Amino acid sequence: RDWSSDVCSSDLTLSLSTFFQSGFGGQLVVMTMCILFITVYISQTKLSDVIVSWLMTRKIAKGRPYVMIFLFVFAAFLVAIITNSFITAILFMQLYRTLANNAKIPPYHKLNSVMIAGIICAASLGDVALPFKSVLIVMMGGFSAATGIQINYANFVIYVFPALISIIMVYVLTCKFILRIDATLLSNVADMSEFQTGITKKQKISLLFIFALLVALL
């Protein structure tokens, strides 16, 4: 059989205008571009540092190492939502390295494994928390194309978001009550100078802008 005739058939050719209409006019491309803009914006304004600092210095975390672990991992989850899992994992690995050095956590302490696994888990969960994240765009688009069913984005967030937070909580509780990892070295982390970062007026405006953009995407 002459396969070249099939490949070169007119059914598979697209004009340049049709190509751009199908590409940049599609929901997938628009949402992906929006989330890329948000990612760059977060990086330039250093909002990830603000989020981590605010969570780590809450009064509820002082003297409670496992609350501290939850807040740190939860911060990774939040940052992954507004950026992407790879950026979040790299960023929080570096943040934890600084934290571990200041808290004098030994290299082979089990707490390191808990935190690293928690960061990866949270970053992965954050990447599927909102329906316009890259992975879910592809999955939901394929589901709608195959079934003809349109998923309600608001309902998706209402059901999925609490479930993802519950997974993080179960992970931390498992480390505390089942694996019984000693986390006492983190008891005084909230008082470290590295987490006393204030928020500027520009960053406050940036947070409002990002929140408004996320709502608009939904």
N, C-alpha and C. Protein backbone atom coordinates (compact mmCIF):
# COMPACT_ATOMS: atom_id res chain seq x y z
N ARG A 1 0.84 -1.20 0.00
CA ARG A 1 0.00 0.00 0.00
C ARG A 1 0.87 1.25 0.00
N ASP A 2 0.44 2.26 -0.74
CA ASP A 2 1.19 3.51 -0.83
C ASP A 2 0.74 4.44 0.30
N TRP A 3 1.53 4.45 1.41
CA TRP A 3 1.16 5.28 2.56
C TRP A 3 1.38 6.77 2.29
N SER A 4 2.26 7.09 1.36
CA SER A 4 2.54 8.50 1.11
C SER A 4 1.32 9.24 0.61
N SER A 5 0.45 8.53 -0.12
CA SER A 5 -0.75 9.18 -0.63
C SER A 5 -1.69 9.57 0.50
N ASP A 6 -1.69 8.74 1.58
CA ASP A 6 -2.54 9.06 2.73
C ASP A 6 -1.99 10.26 3.50
N VAL A 7 -0.68 10.26 3.67
CA VAL A 7 -0.05 11.33 4.44
C VAL A 7 -0.22 12.67 3.76
N CYS A 8 -0.16 12.66 2.45
CA CYS A 8 -0.22 13.91 1.69
C CYS A 8 -1.63 14.27 1.26
N SER A 9 -2.62 13.55 1.75
CA SER A 9 -4.00 13.81 1.34
C SER A 9 -4.43 15.19 1.81
N SER A 10 -5.38 15.77 1.10
CA SER A 10 -5.83 17.12 1.42
C SER A 10 -6.55 17.19 2.75
N ASP A 11 -7.03 16.05 3.27
CA ASP A 11 -7.75 16.05 4.54
C ASP A 11 -6.86 16.43 5.71
N LEU A 12 -5.55 16.24 5.55
CA LEU A 12 -4.62 16.50 6.64
C LEU A 12 -3.91 17.84 6.51
N THR A 13 -4.21 18.61 5.51
CA THR A 13 -3.56 19.90 5.33
C THR A 13 -4.39 21.00 5.97
N LEU A 14 -3.69 21.98 6.55
CA LEU A 14 -4.34 23.12 7.18
C LEU A 14 -3.74 24.40 6.63
N SER A 15 -4.59 25.38 6.43
CA SER A 15 -4.06 26.69 6.05
C SER A 15 -3.47 27.34 7.29
N LEU A 16 -2.60 28.32 7.08
CA LEU A 16 -1.94 28.98 8.20
C LEU A 16 -2.96 29.68 9.10
N SER A 17 -3.96 30.30 8.50
CA SER A 17 -4.98 30.99 9.29
C SER A 17 -5.79 30.01 10.14
N THR A 18 -6.11 28.84 9.55
CA THR A 18 -6.86 27.83 10.30
C THR A 18 -6.02 27.29 11.45
N PHE A 19 -4.72 27.14 11.21
CA PHE A 19 -3.81 26.66 12.25
C PHE A 19 -3.81 27.59 13.46
N PHE A 20 -3.69 28.91 13.20
CA PHE A 20 -3.67 29.86 14.31
C PHE A 20 -5.03 29.97 14.99
N GLN A 21 -6.11 29.86 14.22
CA GLN A 21 -7.43 29.90 14.81
C GLN A 21 -7.67 28.71 15.73
N SER A 22 -7.23 27.53 15.30
CA SER A 22 -7.42 26.32 16.10
C SER A 22 -6.51 26.29 17.31
N GLY A 23 -5.32 26.89 17.15
CA GLY A 23 -4.36 26.87 18.26
C GLY A 23 -4.62 27.95 19.27
N PHE A 24 -4.39 29.22 18.88
CA PHE A 24 -4.52 30.31 19.83
C PHE A 24 -5.97 30.66 20.15
N GLY A 25 -6.89 30.13 19.38
CA GLY A 25 -8.30 30.36 19.69
C GLY A 25 -8.87 29.31 20.61
N GLY A 26 -8.06 28.31 20.96
CA GLY A 26 -8.53 27.22 21.82
C GLY A 26 -8.37 27.53 23.30
N GLN A 27 -9.21 26.95 24.11
CA GLN A 27 -9.18 27.16 25.56
C GLN A 27 -7.88 26.65 26.16
N LEU A 28 -7.37 25.54 25.68
CA LEU A 28 -6.15 24.94 26.21
C LEU A 28 -4.98 25.91 26.13
N VAL A 29 -4.78 26.51 24.95
CA VAL A 29 -3.65 27.41 24.76
C VAL A 29 -3.79 28.66 25.61
N VAL A 30 -4.99 29.24 25.65
CA VAL A 30 -5.20 30.47 26.42
C VAL A 30 -4.93 30.25 27.89
N MET A 31 -5.46 29.16 28.46
CA MET A 31 -5.27 28.89 29.88
C MET A 31 -3.81 28.59 30.20
N THR A 32 -3.15 27.84 29.32
CA THR A 32 -1.74 27.53 29.54
C THR A 32 -0.89 28.79 29.54
N MET A 33 -1.16 29.70 28.60
CA MET A 33 -0.42 30.96 28.55
C MET A 33 -0.65 31.80 29.80
N CYS A 34 -1.89 31.80 30.29
CA CYS A 34 -2.21 32.57 31.50
C CYS A 34 -1.44 32.05 32.70
N ILE A 35 -1.39 30.73 32.87
CA ILE A 35 -0.71 30.17 34.03
C ILE A 35 0.80 30.37 33.92
N LEU A 36 1.34 30.43 32.70
CA LEU A 36 2.76 30.73 32.51
C LEU A 36 3.07 32.16 32.92
N PHE A 37 2.18 33.09 32.58
CA PHE A 37 2.35 34.48 32.99
C PHE A 37 2.34 34.60 34.51
N ILE A 38 1.42 33.87 35.16
CA ILE A 38 1.33 33.90 36.62
C ILE A 38 2.62 33.37 37.24
N THR A 39 3.16 32.30 36.67
CA THR A 39 4.38 31.69 37.19
C THR A 39 5.54 32.67 37.16
N VAL A 40 5.72 33.35 36.05
CA VAL A 40 6.81 34.33 35.92
C VAL A 40 6.59 35.49 36.88
N TYR A 41 5.34 35.91 37.01
CA TYR A 41 5.01 37.04 37.89
C TYR A 41 5.33 36.71 39.34
N ILE A 42 4.97 35.48 39.77
CA ILE A 42 5.26 35.04 41.14
C ILE A 42 6.76 35.08 41.39
N SER A 43 7.53 34.60 40.42
CA SER A 43 8.98 34.55 40.57
C SER A 43 9.57 35.96 40.69
N GLN A 44 9.12 36.89 39.88
CA GLN A 44 9.68 38.24 39.86
C GLN A 44 9.33 39.02 41.12
N THR A 45 8.13 38.80 41.67
CA THR A 45 7.71 39.56 42.85
C THR A 45 8.06 38.86 44.17
N LYS A 46 8.65 37.64 44.09
CA LYS A 46 9.06 36.87 45.28
C LYS A 46 7.89 36.61 46.23
N LEU A 47 6.72 36.38 45.69
CA LEU A 47 5.55 36.11 46.53
C LEU A 47 5.64 34.76 47.23
N SER A 48 6.40 33.84 46.66
CA SER A 48 6.55 32.53 47.31
C SER A 48 7.22 32.70 48.68
N ASP A 49 8.22 33.59 48.77
CA ASP A 49 8.88 33.85 50.05
C ASP A 49 7.90 34.41 51.07
N VAL A 50 7.00 35.28 50.60
CA VAL A 50 6.01 35.88 51.49
C VAL A 50 5.05 34.83 52.03
N ILE A 51 4.60 33.94 51.15
CA ILE A 51 3.66 32.89 51.55
C ILE A 51 4.28 31.98 52.59
N VAL A 52 5.52 31.53 52.33
CA VAL A 52 6.20 30.64 53.27
C VAL A 52 6.43 31.34 54.61
N SER A 53 6.92 32.56 54.58
CA SER A 53 7.23 33.30 55.80
C SER A 53 5.98 33.51 56.65
N TRP A 54 4.87 33.87 55.98
CA TRP A 54 3.63 34.12 56.73
C TRP A 54 3.13 32.86 57.42
N LEU A 55 3.16 31.74 56.71
CA LEU A 55 2.66 30.49 57.28
C LEU A 55 3.57 29.98 58.40
N MET A 56 4.88 30.09 58.21
CA MET A 56 5.83 29.53 59.16
C MET A 56 5.90 30.32 60.47
N THR A 57 5.44 31.56 60.48
CA THR A 57 5.54 32.38 61.69
C THR A 57 4.21 32.50 62.41
N ARG A 58 3.23 31.66 62.11
CA ARG A 58 1.96 31.68 62.83
C ARG A 58 2.18 31.22 64.27
N LYS A 59 1.43 31.81 65.20
CA LYS A 59 1.58 31.46 66.62
C LYS A 59 1.26 29.99 66.88
N ILE A 60 0.35 29.45 66.11
CA ILE A 60 -0.05 28.05 66.32
C ILE A 60 1.11 27.08 66.06
N ALA A 61 2.11 27.54 65.30
CA ALA A 61 3.23 26.65 64.94
C ALA A 61 4.36 26.66 65.97
N LYS A 62 4.42 27.66 66.81
CA LYS A 62 5.53 27.78 67.75
C LYS A 62 5.48 26.65 68.78
N GLY A 63 6.58 25.90 68.85
CA GLY A 63 6.66 24.79 69.78
C GLY A 63 5.91 23.55 69.34
N ARG A 64 5.35 23.57 68.14
CA ARG A 64 4.61 22.42 67.61
C ARG A 64 5.25 22.00 66.27
N PRO A 65 6.23 21.13 66.31
CA PRO A 65 6.98 20.79 65.09
C PRO A 65 6.13 20.20 63.98
N TYR A 66 5.14 19.40 64.31
CA TYR A 66 4.33 18.80 63.25
C TYR A 66 3.35 19.78 62.64
N VAL A 67 2.94 20.78 63.40
CA VAL A 67 2.16 21.87 62.81
C VAL A 67 3.06 22.64 61.84
N MET A 68 4.32 22.80 62.23
CA MET A 68 5.29 23.45 61.37
C MET A 68 5.48 22.68 60.07
N ILE A 69 5.58 21.36 60.17
CA ILE A 69 5.73 20.53 58.97
C ILE A 69 4.53 20.69 58.06
N PHE A 70 3.34 20.65 58.65
CA PHE A 70 2.12 20.80 57.84
C PHE A 70 2.10 22.16 57.13
N LEU A 71 2.43 23.22 57.85
CA LEU A 71 2.41 24.56 57.25
C LEU A 71 3.44 24.69 56.13
N PHE A 72 4.60 24.10 56.33
CA PHE A 72 5.63 24.17 55.29
C PHE A 72 5.19 23.42 54.03
N VAL A 73 4.65 22.22 54.23
CA VAL A 73 4.18 21.42 53.10
C VAL A 73 2.96 22.08 52.46
N PHE A 74 2.09 22.65 53.29
CA PHE A 74 0.91 23.35 52.77
C PHE A 74 1.32 24.57 51.95
N ALA A 75 2.38 25.25 52.39
CA ALA A 75 2.89 26.39 51.62
C ALA A 75 3.35 25.93 50.24
N ALA A 76 4.01 24.77 50.18
CA ALA A 76 4.42 24.22 48.89
C ALA A 76 3.19 23.94 48.01
N PHE A 77 2.15 23.45 48.63
CA PHE A 77 0.90 23.18 47.91
C PHE A 77 0.32 24.47 47.32
N LEU A 78 0.30 25.55 48.10
CA LEU A 78 -0.24 26.82 47.63
C LEU A 78 0.60 27.40 46.50
N VAL A 79 1.92 27.34 46.66
CA VAL A 79 2.80 27.89 45.62
C VAL A 79 2.68 27.08 44.33
N ALA A 80 2.51 25.76 44.46
CA ALA A 80 2.35 24.92 43.27
C ALA A 80 1.07 25.26 42.51
N ILE A 81 0.06 25.70 43.22
CA ILE A 81 -1.20 26.07 42.57
C ILE A 81 -1.00 27.27 41.64
N ILE A 82 -0.23 28.25 42.11
CA ILE A 82 -0.08 29.47 41.31
C ILE A 82 1.17 29.47 40.45
N THR A 83 1.98 28.39 40.54
CA THR A 83 3.11 28.27 39.60
C THR A 83 2.99 26.90 38.95
N ASN A 84 3.97 26.03 39.14
CA ASN A 84 3.85 24.64 38.68
C ASN A 84 4.67 23.74 39.59
N SER A 85 4.46 22.45 39.48
CA SER A 85 5.05 21.50 40.42
C SER A 85 6.57 21.49 40.39
N PHE A 86 7.17 21.61 39.20
CA PHE A 86 8.62 21.56 39.10
C PHE A 86 9.29 22.76 39.75
N ILE A 87 8.76 23.95 39.47
CA ILE A 87 9.30 25.17 40.08
C ILE A 87 9.16 25.10 41.60
N THR A 88 7.99 24.64 42.06
CA THR A 88 7.74 24.55 43.50
C THR A 88 8.69 23.57 44.18
N ALA A 89 8.87 22.40 43.57
CA ALA A 89 9.76 21.39 44.17
C ALA A 89 11.18 21.92 44.30
N ILE A 90 11.68 22.56 43.25
CA ILE A 90 13.05 23.11 43.29
C ILE A 90 13.16 24.21 44.34
N LEU A 91 12.17 25.11 44.36
CA LEU A 91 12.18 26.23 45.31
C LEU A 91 12.15 25.73 46.75
N PHE A 92 11.27 24.80 47.05
CA PHE A 92 11.11 24.36 48.43
C PHE A 92 12.21 23.41 48.89
N MET A 93 12.84 22.72 47.96
CA MET A 93 14.01 21.93 48.33
C MET A 93 15.11 22.86 48.84
N GLN A 94 15.28 24.00 48.17
CA GLN A 94 16.29 24.96 48.61
C GLN A 94 15.89 25.60 49.93
N LEU A 95 14.60 25.92 50.09
CA LEU A 95 14.13 26.50 51.34
C LEU A 95 14.33 25.53 52.50
N TYR A 96 14.05 24.26 52.25
CA TYR A 96 14.23 23.28 53.32
C TYR A 96 15.71 23.07 53.64
N ARG A 97 16.54 23.17 52.64
CA ARG A 97 17.99 23.04 52.89
C ARG A 97 18.45 24.13 53.85
N THR A 98 17.97 25.36 53.64
CA THR A 98 18.30 26.46 54.54
C THR A 98 17.74 26.20 55.93
N LEU A 99 16.50 25.72 55.97
CA LEU A 99 15.86 25.42 57.24
C LEU A 99 16.62 24.34 58.00
N ALA A 100 17.01 23.28 57.30
CA ALA A 100 17.71 22.16 57.93
C ALA A 100 19.07 22.59 58.47
N ASN A 101 19.76 23.45 57.72
CA ASN A 101 21.07 23.92 58.18
C ASN A 101 20.94 24.74 59.46
N ASN A 102 19.92 25.61 59.51
CA ASN A 102 19.74 26.47 60.67
C ASN A 102 19.20 25.71 61.87
N ALA A 103 18.42 24.67 61.61
CA ALA A 103 17.85 23.87 62.70
C ALA A 103 18.80 22.75 63.14
N LYS A 104 19.96 22.66 62.49
CA LYS A 104 20.97 21.64 62.81
C LYS A 104 20.43 20.21 62.67
N ILE A 105 19.70 19.98 61.56
CA ILE A 105 19.17 18.65 61.30
C ILE A 105 20.25 17.83 60.60
N PRO A 106 20.65 16.68 61.14
CA PRO A 106 21.72 15.85 60.54
C PRO A 106 21.34 15.39 59.13
N PRO A 107 22.32 15.14 58.26
CA PRO A 107 22.06 14.75 56.87
C PRO A 107 21.19 13.50 56.72
N TYR A 108 21.35 12.52 57.59
CA TYR A 108 20.63 11.26 57.42
C TYR A 108 19.47 11.11 58.41
N HIS A 109 19.02 12.21 58.95
CA HIS A 109 17.88 12.17 59.87
C HIS A 109 16.60 11.83 59.10
N LYS A 110 15.71 11.04 59.71
CA LYS A 110 14.47 10.64 59.04
C LYS A 110 13.57 11.83 58.71
N LEU A 111 13.74 12.91 59.45
CA LEU A 111 12.93 14.10 59.20
C LEU A 111 13.18 14.66 57.80
N ASN A 112 14.39 14.51 57.30
CA ASN A 112 14.70 14.96 55.94
C ASN A 112 13.84 14.23 54.91
N SER A 113 13.69 12.92 55.09
CA SER A 113 12.87 12.14 54.16
C SER A 113 11.41 12.56 54.24
N VAL A 114 10.94 12.84 55.46
CA VAL A 114 9.56 13.29 55.65
C VAL A 114 9.30 14.59 54.90
N MET A 115 10.20 15.53 55.04
CA MET A 115 10.02 16.84 54.42
C MET A 115 10.15 16.79 52.91
N ILE A 116 11.14 16.05 52.42
CA ILE A 116 11.33 15.95 50.97
C ILE A 116 10.15 15.27 50.30
N ALA A 117 9.71 14.15 50.89
CA ALA A 117 8.55 13.45 50.33
C ALA A 117 7.31 14.33 50.42
N GLY A 118 7.18 15.10 51.51
CA GLY A 118 6.03 16.00 51.66
C GLY A 118 6.03 17.10 50.62
N ILE A 119 7.22 17.66 50.33
CA ILE A 119 7.33 18.71 49.32
C ILE A 119 6.90 18.18 47.95
N ILE A 120 7.41 17.01 47.58
CA ILE A 120 7.07 16.42 46.27
C ILE A 120 5.58 16.12 46.18
N CYS A 121 5.04 15.57 47.28
CA CYS A 121 3.61 15.25 47.32
C CYS A 121 2.77 16.51 47.17
N ALA A 122 3.10 17.55 47.94
CA ALA A 122 2.34 18.80 47.90
C ALA A 122 2.43 19.48 46.54
N ALA A 123 3.63 19.48 45.96
CA ALA A 123 3.80 20.10 44.65
C ALA A 123 2.97 19.38 43.59
N SER A 124 2.93 18.05 43.67
CA SER A 124 2.13 17.27 42.72
C SER A 124 0.65 17.51 42.90
N LEU A 125 0.20 17.60 44.17
CA LEU A 125 -1.21 17.85 44.44
C LEU A 125 -1.61 19.26 43.99
N GLY A 126 -0.72 20.22 44.20
CA GLY A 126 -1.02 21.58 43.79
C GLY A 126 -1.20 21.71 42.29
N ASP A 127 -0.56 20.82 41.55
CA ASP A 127 -0.65 20.87 40.09
C ASP A 127 -1.98 20.34 39.56
N VAL A 128 -2.79 19.72 40.45
CA VAL A 128 -4.11 19.24 40.01
C VAL A 128 -5.22 19.84 40.86
N ALA A 129 -4.91 20.93 41.58
CA ALA A 129 -5.90 21.53 42.48
C ALA A 129 -6.93 22.39 41.75
N LEU A 130 -6.52 23.01 40.67
CA LEU A 130 -7.43 23.88 39.91
C LEU A 130 -7.58 23.35 38.49
N PRO A 131 -8.77 23.45 37.91
CA PRO A 131 -9.05 22.81 36.62
C PRO A 131 -8.38 23.44 35.41
N PHE A 132 -7.65 24.54 35.59
CA PHE A 132 -6.96 25.11 34.44
C PHE A 132 -5.45 24.90 34.52
N LYS A 133 -5.01 24.02 35.45
CA LYS A 133 -3.60 23.65 35.48
C LYS A 133 -3.30 22.74 34.29
N SER A 134 -2.04 22.71 33.86
CA SER A 134 -1.67 22.06 32.60
C SER A 134 -2.11 20.59 32.51
N VAL A 135 -1.88 19.82 33.58
CA VAL A 135 -2.23 18.40 33.54
C VAL A 135 -3.73 18.21 33.40
N LEU A 136 -4.48 18.97 34.21
CA LEU A 136 -5.93 18.80 34.21
C LEU A 136 -6.57 19.32 32.93
N ILE A 137 -5.98 20.34 32.33
CA ILE A 137 -6.52 20.85 31.07
C ILE A 137 -6.55 19.73 30.03
N VAL A 138 -5.45 19.00 29.93
CA VAL A 138 -5.37 17.90 28.97
C VAL A 138 -6.34 16.78 29.33
N MET A 139 -6.36 16.38 30.61
CA MET A 139 -7.21 15.29 31.05
C MET A 139 -8.69 15.62 30.90
N MET A 140 -9.08 16.81 31.34
CA MET A 140 -10.48 17.20 31.27
C MET A 140 -10.92 17.45 29.83
N GLY A 141 -9.99 17.99 29.03
CA GLY A 141 -10.30 18.17 27.62
C GLY A 141 -10.54 16.85 26.91
N GLY A 142 -9.69 15.85 27.22
CA GLY A 142 -9.87 14.52 26.65
C GLY A 142 -11.15 13.87 27.11
N PHE A 143 -11.48 14.06 28.41
CA PHE A 143 -12.72 13.49 28.95
C PHE A 143 -13.95 14.10 28.27
N SER A 144 -13.95 15.43 28.11
CA SER A 144 -15.08 16.09 27.47
C SER A 144 -15.22 15.70 26.01
N ALA A 145 -14.07 15.55 25.32
CA ALA A 145 -14.11 15.15 23.91
C ALA A 145 -14.63 13.73 23.74
N ALA A 146 -14.28 12.84 24.69
CA ALA A 146 -14.69 11.44 24.58
C ALA A 146 -16.13 11.21 25.00
N THR A 147 -16.61 11.98 26.00
CA THR A 147 -17.94 11.73 26.56
C THR A 147 -18.98 12.78 26.19
N GLY A 148 -18.51 13.96 25.80
CA GLY A 148 -19.45 15.05 25.52
C GLY A 148 -19.94 15.74 26.77
N ILE A 149 -19.40 15.37 27.94
CA ILE A 149 -19.81 15.95 29.21
C ILE A 149 -18.88 17.11 29.56
N GLN A 150 -19.46 18.27 29.87
CA GLN A 150 -18.68 19.42 30.28
C GLN A 150 -18.59 19.48 31.79
N ILE A 151 -17.38 19.55 32.34
CA ILE A 151 -17.18 19.56 33.78
C ILE A 151 -17.35 20.97 34.32
N ASN A 152 -18.13 21.10 35.39
CA ASN A 152 -18.32 22.39 36.04
C ASN A 152 -17.09 22.72 36.88
N TYR A 153 -16.38 23.78 36.53
CA TYR A 153 -15.12 24.10 37.20
C TYR A 153 -15.32 24.45 38.67
N ALA A 154 -16.38 25.20 38.98
CA ALA A 154 -16.63 25.59 40.37
C ALA A 154 -16.88 24.36 41.25
N ASN A 155 -17.70 23.43 40.78
CA ASN A 155 -17.96 22.20 41.54
C ASN A 155 -16.69 21.38 41.70
N PHE A 156 -15.86 21.39 40.67
CA PHE A 156 -14.60 20.65 40.73
C PHE A 156 -13.75 21.15 41.89
N VAL A 157 -13.61 22.47 42.01
CA VAL A 157 -12.80 23.06 43.07
C VAL A 157 -13.40 22.77 44.44
N ILE A 158 -14.72 22.87 44.56
CA ILE A 158 -15.40 22.67 45.84
C ILE A 158 -15.15 21.26 46.38
N TYR A 159 -15.13 20.27 45.49
CA TYR A 159 -14.95 18.88 45.92
C TYR A 159 -13.47 18.48 46.03
N VAL A 160 -12.67 18.90 45.06
CA VAL A 160 -11.29 18.42 44.98
C VAL A 160 -10.37 19.14 45.95
N PHE A 161 -10.52 20.44 46.10
CA PHE A 161 -9.60 21.22 46.94
C PHE A 161 -9.55 20.71 48.38
N PRO A 162 -10.69 20.53 49.06
CA PRO A 162 -10.63 19.99 50.43
C PRO A 162 -10.04 18.58 50.48
N ALA A 163 -10.30 17.78 49.45
CA ALA A 163 -9.76 16.41 49.42
C ALA A 163 -8.24 16.43 49.36
N LEU A 164 -7.66 17.34 48.59
CA LEU A 164 -6.21 17.43 48.48
C LEU A 164 -5.58 17.88 49.79
N ILE A 165 -6.21 18.84 50.46
CA ILE A 165 -5.71 19.29 51.76
C ILE A 165 -5.77 18.15 52.77
N SER A 166 -6.83 17.34 52.68
CA SER A 166 -6.97 16.19 53.58
C SER A 166 -5.84 15.18 53.37
N ILE A 167 -5.42 15.02 52.13
CA ILE A 167 -4.31 14.09 51.84
C ILE A 167 -3.04 14.57 52.53
N ILE A 168 -2.78 15.88 52.48
CA ILE A 168 -1.60 16.43 53.14
C ILE A 168 -1.68 16.21 54.65
N MET A 169 -2.86 16.43 55.22
CA MET A 169 -3.04 16.23 56.65
C MET A 169 -2.83 14.77 57.05
N VAL A 170 -3.36 13.86 56.25
CA VAL A 170 -3.19 12.43 56.53
C VAL A 170 -1.72 12.05 56.47
N TYR A 171 -0.99 12.61 55.51
CA TYR A 171 0.44 12.32 55.39
C TYR A 171 1.19 12.75 56.65
N VAL A 172 0.92 13.98 57.12
CA VAL A 172 1.61 14.50 58.30
C VAL A 172 1.24 13.69 59.54
N LEU A 173 -0.04 13.35 59.69
CA LEU A 173 -0.48 12.57 60.85
C LEU A 173 0.11 11.15 60.82
N THR A 174 0.28 10.61 59.63
CA THR A 174 0.90 9.29 59.51
C THR A 174 2.35 9.32 59.98
N CYS A 175 3.06 10.38 59.59
CA CYS A 175 4.46 10.52 60.02
C CYS A 175 4.57 10.68 61.53
N LYS A 176 3.57 11.33 62.13
CA LYS A 176 3.62 11.59 63.57
C LYS A 176 3.20 10.38 64.40
N PHE A 177 2.06 9.77 64.07
CA PHE A 177 1.48 8.76 64.94
C PHE A 177 1.80 7.32 64.53
N ILE A 178 2.11 7.09 63.27
CA ILE A 178 2.41 5.72 62.82
C ILE A 178 3.92 5.52 62.66
N LEU A 179 4.56 6.41 61.90
CA LEU A 179 6.01 6.29 61.72
C LEU A 179 6.78 6.83 62.92
N ARG A 180 6.13 7.74 63.68
CA ARG A 180 6.72 8.31 64.89
C ARG A 180 8.10 8.94 64.64
N ILE A 181 8.16 9.81 63.67
CA ILE A 181 9.40 10.51 63.35
C ILE A 181 9.65 11.62 64.37
N ASP A 182 10.84 11.69 64.89
CA ASP A 182 11.21 12.73 65.85
C ASP A 182 11.40 14.06 65.12
N ALA A 183 10.54 15.03 65.44
CA ALA A 183 10.60 16.33 64.75
C ALA A 183 10.89 17.47 65.71
N THR A 184 11.44 17.16 66.88
CA THR A 184 11.68 18.19 67.89
C THR A 184 12.68 19.26 67.44
N LEU A 185 13.52 18.92 66.48
CA LEU A 185 14.51 19.90 66.01
C LEU A 185 13.85 21.09 65.31
N LEU A 186 12.57 20.96 64.94
CA LEU A 186 11.87 22.04 64.25
C LEU A 186 11.07 22.92 65.20
N SER A 187 11.18 22.68 66.49
CA SER A 187 10.33 23.37 67.46
C SER A 187 10.47 24.88 67.42
N ASN A 188 11.67 25.38 67.16
CA ASN A 188 11.91 26.83 67.23
C ASN A 188 12.14 27.47 65.86
N VAL A 189 11.72 26.78 64.82
CA VAL A 189 11.97 27.30 63.47
C VAL A 189 11.23 28.62 63.23
N ALA A 190 10.06 28.77 63.81
CA ALA A 190 9.26 29.99 63.56
C ALA A 190 9.97 31.26 64.00
N ASP A 191 10.95 31.15 64.91
CA ASP A 191 11.67 32.33 65.39
C ASP A 191 12.91 32.66 64.56
N MET A 192 13.21 31.85 63.55
CA MET A 192 14.40 32.09 62.74
C MET A 192 14.23 33.34 61.86
N SER A 193 15.32 34.06 61.69
CA SER A 193 15.28 35.31 60.93
C SER A 193 14.92 35.09 59.47
N GLU A 194 15.22 33.88 58.93
CA GLU A 194 14.93 33.60 57.53
C GLU A 194 13.44 33.68 57.21
N PHE A 195 12.59 33.52 58.25
CA PHE A 195 11.15 33.52 58.02
C PHE A 195 10.46 34.76 58.59
N GLN A 196 11.23 35.83 58.76
CA GLN A 196 10.66 37.08 59.26
C GLN A 196 10.50 38.09 58.12
N THR A 197 10.20 37.58 56.93
CA THR A 197 10.07 38.43 55.74
C THR A 197 8.73 39.16 55.75
N GLY A 198 8.76 40.48 55.63
CA GLY A 198 7.53 41.26 55.55
C GLY A 198 7.01 41.33 54.13
N ILE A 199 5.81 41.85 53.99
CA ILE A 199 5.20 41.98 52.67
C ILE A 199 5.13 43.45 52.29
N THR A 200 5.54 43.76 51.07
CA THR A 200 5.54 45.14 50.60
C THR A 200 4.18 45.48 49.99
N LYS A 201 3.97 46.77 49.77
CA LYS A 201 2.72 47.22 49.16
C LYS A 201 2.56 46.64 47.75
N LYS A 202 3.66 46.57 47.02
CA LYS A 202 3.63 46.02 45.66
C LYS A 202 3.23 44.55 45.69
N GLN A 203 3.74 43.81 46.68
CA GLN A 203 3.40 42.39 46.77
C GLN A 203 1.94 42.18 47.17
N LYS A 204 1.40 43.08 48.00
CA LYS A 204 -0.01 43.00 48.36
C LYS A 204 -0.89 43.18 47.12
N ILE A 205 -0.53 44.16 46.32
CA ILE A 205 -1.28 44.40 45.08
C ILE A 205 -1.14 43.21 44.14
N SER A 206 0.05 42.62 44.11
CA SER A 206 0.29 41.46 43.26
C SER A 206 -0.57 40.27 43.69
N LEU A 207 -0.70 40.04 44.99
CA LEU A 207 -1.54 38.96 45.48
C LEU A 207 -3.00 39.16 45.09
N LEU A 208 -3.49 40.39 45.20
CA LEU A 208 -4.87 40.69 44.80
C LEU A 208 -5.06 40.46 43.31
N PHE A 209 -4.06 40.86 42.53
CA PHE A 209 -4.13 40.68 41.08
C PHE A 209 -4.18 39.20 40.72
N ILE A 210 -3.33 38.40 41.35
CA ILE A 210 -3.28 36.96 41.07
C ILE A 210 -4.58 36.29 41.48
N PHE A 211 -5.11 36.67 42.65
CA PHE A 211 -6.38 36.11 43.11
C PHE A 211 -7.49 36.41 42.11
N ALA A 212 -7.54 37.66 41.65
CA ALA A 212 -8.56 38.06 40.69
C ALA A 212 -8.41 37.28 39.37
N LEU A 213 -7.16 37.06 38.95
CA LEU A 213 -6.91 36.32 37.71
C LEU A 213 -7.32 34.87 37.83
N LEU A 214 -7.04 34.26 39.00
CA LEU A 214 -7.45 32.87 39.22
C LEU A 214 -8.97 32.73 39.19
N VAL A 215 -9.66 33.69 39.81
CA VAL A 215 -11.12 33.67 39.78
C VAL A 215 -11.64 33.82 38.36
N ALA A 216 -11.00 34.72 37.60
CA ALA A 216 -11.41 34.92 36.20
C ALA A 216 -11.21 33.66 35.37
N LEU A 217 -10.11 32.94 35.61
CA LEU A 217 -9.86 31.70 34.87
C LEU A 217 -10.91 30.66 35.21
N LEU A 218 -11.35 30.61 36.48
CA LEU A 218 -12.40 29.66 36.85
C LEU A 218 -13.70 30.00 36.14
